[in-house]
């Protein structure tokens, strides 16, 4: 996977979550909304969760973390 493509996807997802407070999407919704392939989306979401920008809920939705972990 191209590191530049992952970086661009991270930036895109971060920007959307910053601009739309309360955004709550599943991985499938994110893939459809931004036209992302499964592996790229999974890699980007994994990075955003590891860096405490997003949190995955028990229902499988991704939300922006509002408090430190």
N, C-alpha and C. Protein backbone atom coordinates (compact mmCIF):
# COMPACT_ATOMS: atom_id res chain seq x y z
N UNK A 1 0.85 -1.18 0.00
CA UNK A 1 0.00 0.00 0.00
C UNK A 1 0.89 1.24 0.00
N UNK A 2 0.53 2.20 -0.81
CA UNK A 2 1.30 3.43 -0.96
C UNK A 2 1.18 4.31 0.29
N UNK A 3 2.30 4.59 0.97
CA UNK A 3 2.26 5.42 2.19
C UNK A 3 1.66 6.80 1.96
N UNK A 4 1.88 7.38 0.79
CA UNK A 4 1.32 8.70 0.49
C UNK A 4 -0.21 8.62 0.41
N UNK A 5 -0.71 7.56 -0.16
CA UNK A 5 -2.15 7.36 -0.26
C UNK A 5 -2.77 7.20 1.13
N UNK A 6 -2.09 6.47 2.01
CA UNK A 6 -2.58 6.31 3.38
C UNK A 6 -2.57 7.67 4.08
N UNK A 7 -1.51 8.42 3.93
CA UNK A 7 -1.40 9.74 4.56
C UNK A 7 -2.51 10.68 4.08
N UNK A 8 -2.77 10.68 2.78
CA UNK A 8 -3.84 11.52 2.23
C UNK A 8 -5.20 11.10 2.78
N UNK A 9 -5.40 9.81 2.92
CA UNK A 9 -6.67 9.31 3.45
C UNK A 9 -6.82 9.69 4.92
N UNK A 10 -5.75 9.58 5.69
CA UNK A 10 -5.79 9.99 7.09
C UNK A 10 -6.19 11.47 7.20
N UNK A 11 -5.57 12.29 6.39
CA UNK A 11 -5.86 13.72 6.40
C UNK A 11 -7.32 13.99 6.04
N UNK A 12 -7.79 13.30 5.05
CA UNK A 12 -9.17 13.48 4.59
C UNK A 12 -10.17 13.10 5.67
N UNK A 13 -9.97 11.94 6.29
CA UNK A 13 -10.88 11.48 7.34
C UNK A 13 -10.82 12.42 8.55
N UNK A 14 -9.61 12.79 8.95
CA UNK A 14 -9.46 13.72 10.09
C UNK A 14 -10.19 15.03 9.82
N UNK A 15 -10.01 15.57 8.63
CA UNK A 15 -10.64 16.85 8.29
C UNK A 15 -12.17 16.76 8.40
N UNK A 16 -12.73 15.69 7.88
CA UNK A 16 -14.18 15.53 7.93
C UNK A 16 -14.69 15.39 9.37
N UNK A 17 -13.98 14.63 10.18
CA UNK A 17 -14.40 14.47 11.57
C UNK A 17 -14.24 15.78 12.35
N UNK A 18 -13.26 16.60 12.00
CA UNK A 18 -13.10 17.91 12.67
C UNK A 18 -14.21 18.88 12.24
N UNK A 19 -14.58 18.83 10.97
CA UNK A 19 -15.58 19.76 10.45
C UNK A 19 -17.01 19.38 10.82
N UNK A 20 -17.22 18.11 11.14
CA UNK A 20 -18.57 17.64 11.45
C UNK A 20 -18.60 17.00 12.84
N UNK A 21 -18.64 17.83 13.88
CA UNK A 21 -18.66 17.28 15.25
C UNK A 21 -19.83 16.31 15.41
N UNK A 22 -19.57 15.22 16.09
CA UNK A 22 -20.61 14.22 16.31
C UNK A 22 -20.75 13.21 15.19
N UNK A 23 -19.90 13.32 14.16
CA UNK A 23 -19.94 12.37 13.05
C UNK A 23 -19.73 10.96 13.59
N UNK A 24 -20.60 10.04 13.19
CA UNK A 24 -20.55 8.66 13.66
C UNK A 24 -20.83 7.76 12.47
N UNK A 25 -19.78 7.07 12.00
CA UNK A 25 -19.91 6.24 10.80
C UNK A 25 -19.28 4.87 11.02
N UNK A 26 -19.83 3.87 10.36
CA UNK A 26 -19.21 2.54 10.36
C UNK A 26 -18.11 2.53 9.30
N UNK A 27 -17.27 1.53 9.34
CA UNK A 27 -16.23 1.41 8.32
C UNK A 27 -16.87 1.32 6.94
N UNK A 28 -17.94 0.58 6.81
CA UNK A 28 -18.60 0.43 5.52
C UNK A 28 -19.11 1.78 5.01
N UNK A 29 -19.70 2.57 5.90
CA UNK A 29 -20.18 3.89 5.51
C UNK A 29 -19.04 4.80 5.08
N UNK A 30 -17.93 4.72 5.79
CA UNK A 30 -16.76 5.53 5.45
C UNK A 30 -16.24 5.13 4.07
N UNK A 31 -16.16 3.83 3.82
CA UNK A 31 -15.69 3.36 2.50
C UNK A 31 -16.59 3.88 1.39
N UNK A 32 -17.89 3.81 1.60
CA UNK A 32 -18.83 4.25 0.56
C UNK A 32 -18.79 5.76 0.38
N UNK A 33 -18.77 6.49 1.48
CA UNK A 33 -18.79 7.95 1.43
C UNK A 33 -17.60 8.52 0.67
N UNK A 34 -16.41 7.98 0.94
CA UNK A 34 -15.20 8.50 0.32
C UNK A 34 -14.63 7.62 -0.77
N UNK A 35 -15.34 6.57 -1.12
CA UNK A 35 -14.91 5.70 -2.22
C UNK A 35 -13.57 5.03 -1.97
N UNK A 36 -13.39 4.51 -0.75
CA UNK A 36 -12.12 3.92 -0.37
C UNK A 36 -12.13 2.40 -0.49
N UNK A 37 -11.05 1.81 -0.94
CA UNK A 37 -10.96 0.35 -0.91
C UNK A 37 -10.85 -0.13 0.54
N UNK A 38 -11.29 -1.35 0.77
CA UNK A 38 -11.34 -1.90 2.12
C UNK A 38 -9.99 -1.82 2.85
N UNK A 39 -8.92 -2.26 2.19
CA UNK A 39 -7.61 -2.30 2.87
C UNK A 39 -7.11 -0.91 3.23
N UNK A 40 -7.32 0.07 2.38
CA UNK A 40 -6.89 1.44 2.66
C UNK A 40 -7.70 2.02 3.81
N UNK A 41 -9.00 1.82 3.78
CA UNK A 41 -9.87 2.33 4.84
C UNK A 41 -9.50 1.70 6.18
N UNK A 42 -9.33 0.40 6.19
CA UNK A 42 -8.97 -0.32 7.42
C UNK A 42 -7.64 0.19 7.98
N UNK A 43 -6.66 0.40 7.12
CA UNK A 43 -5.35 0.90 7.57
C UNK A 43 -5.47 2.30 8.16
N UNK A 44 -6.21 3.17 7.49
CA UNK A 44 -6.36 4.55 7.96
C UNK A 44 -7.12 4.59 9.29
N UNK A 45 -8.21 3.86 9.39
CA UNK A 45 -8.97 3.85 10.65
C UNK A 45 -8.14 3.28 11.79
N UNK A 46 -7.37 2.24 11.50
CA UNK A 46 -6.49 1.67 12.52
C UNK A 46 -5.50 2.69 13.05
N UNK A 47 -4.91 3.46 12.14
CA UNK A 47 -3.97 4.51 12.55
C UNK A 47 -4.66 5.58 13.39
N UNK A 48 -5.84 6.00 12.98
CA UNK A 48 -6.55 7.06 13.70
C UNK A 48 -6.99 6.59 15.09
N UNK A 49 -7.31 5.32 15.22
CA UNK A 49 -7.66 4.76 16.54
C UNK A 49 -6.39 4.65 17.39
N UNK A 50 -5.30 4.14 16.82
CA UNK A 50 -4.04 4.00 17.57
C UNK A 50 -3.51 5.35 18.06
N UNK A 51 -3.77 6.40 17.29
CA UNK A 51 -3.30 7.74 17.68
C UNK A 51 -4.36 8.52 18.46
N UNK A 52 -5.38 7.81 18.93
CA UNK A 52 -6.43 8.39 19.80
C UNK A 52 -7.20 9.54 19.17
N UNK A 53 -7.28 9.56 17.85
CA UNK A 53 -8.12 10.57 17.20
C UNK A 53 -9.56 10.06 17.11
N UNK A 54 -9.70 8.76 16.78
CA UNK A 54 -11.02 8.14 16.71
C UNK A 54 -11.12 7.03 17.75
N UNK A 55 -12.35 6.71 18.08
CA UNK A 55 -12.62 5.56 18.94
C UNK A 55 -13.70 4.73 18.24
N UNK A 56 -13.56 3.41 18.31
CA UNK A 56 -14.58 2.53 17.73
C UNK A 56 -15.50 2.08 18.84
N UNK A 57 -16.79 2.29 18.66
CA UNK A 57 -17.77 1.92 19.67
C UNK A 57 -18.09 0.43 19.58
N UNK A 58 -18.81 -0.06 20.58
CA UNK A 58 -19.23 -1.46 20.59
C UNK A 58 -20.15 -1.77 19.41
N UNK A 59 -20.81 -0.76 18.87
CA UNK A 59 -21.71 -0.94 17.73
C UNK A 59 -20.97 -0.87 16.39
N UNK A 60 -19.65 -0.65 16.44
CA UNK A 60 -18.86 -0.62 15.21
C UNK A 60 -18.82 0.71 14.51
N UNK A 61 -19.22 1.77 15.20
CA UNK A 61 -19.13 3.10 14.61
C UNK A 61 -17.86 3.79 15.09
N UNK A 62 -17.37 4.69 14.27
CA UNK A 62 -16.17 5.44 14.61
C UNK A 62 -16.57 6.87 14.94
N UNK A 63 -16.12 7.33 16.11
CA UNK A 63 -16.40 8.67 16.61
C UNK A 63 -15.09 9.36 16.91
N UNK A 64 -15.10 10.67 16.84
CA UNK A 64 -13.91 11.42 17.23
C UNK A 64 -13.78 11.38 18.74
N UNK A 65 -12.59 11.04 19.23
CA UNK A 65 -12.34 11.00 20.67
C UNK A 65 -12.32 12.43 21.18
N UNK A 66 -13.11 12.70 22.20
CA UNK A 66 -13.20 14.06 22.72
C UNK A 66 -12.44 14.22 24.03
N UNK A 67 -12.08 13.11 24.65
CA UNK A 67 -11.31 13.17 25.89
C UNK A 67 -10.09 12.29 25.74
N UNK A 68 -9.03 12.61 26.44
CA UNK A 68 -7.83 11.77 26.35
C UNK A 68 -8.12 10.37 26.87
N UNK A 69 -7.44 9.39 26.31
CA UNK A 69 -7.64 8.00 26.73
C UNK A 69 -6.89 7.70 28.01
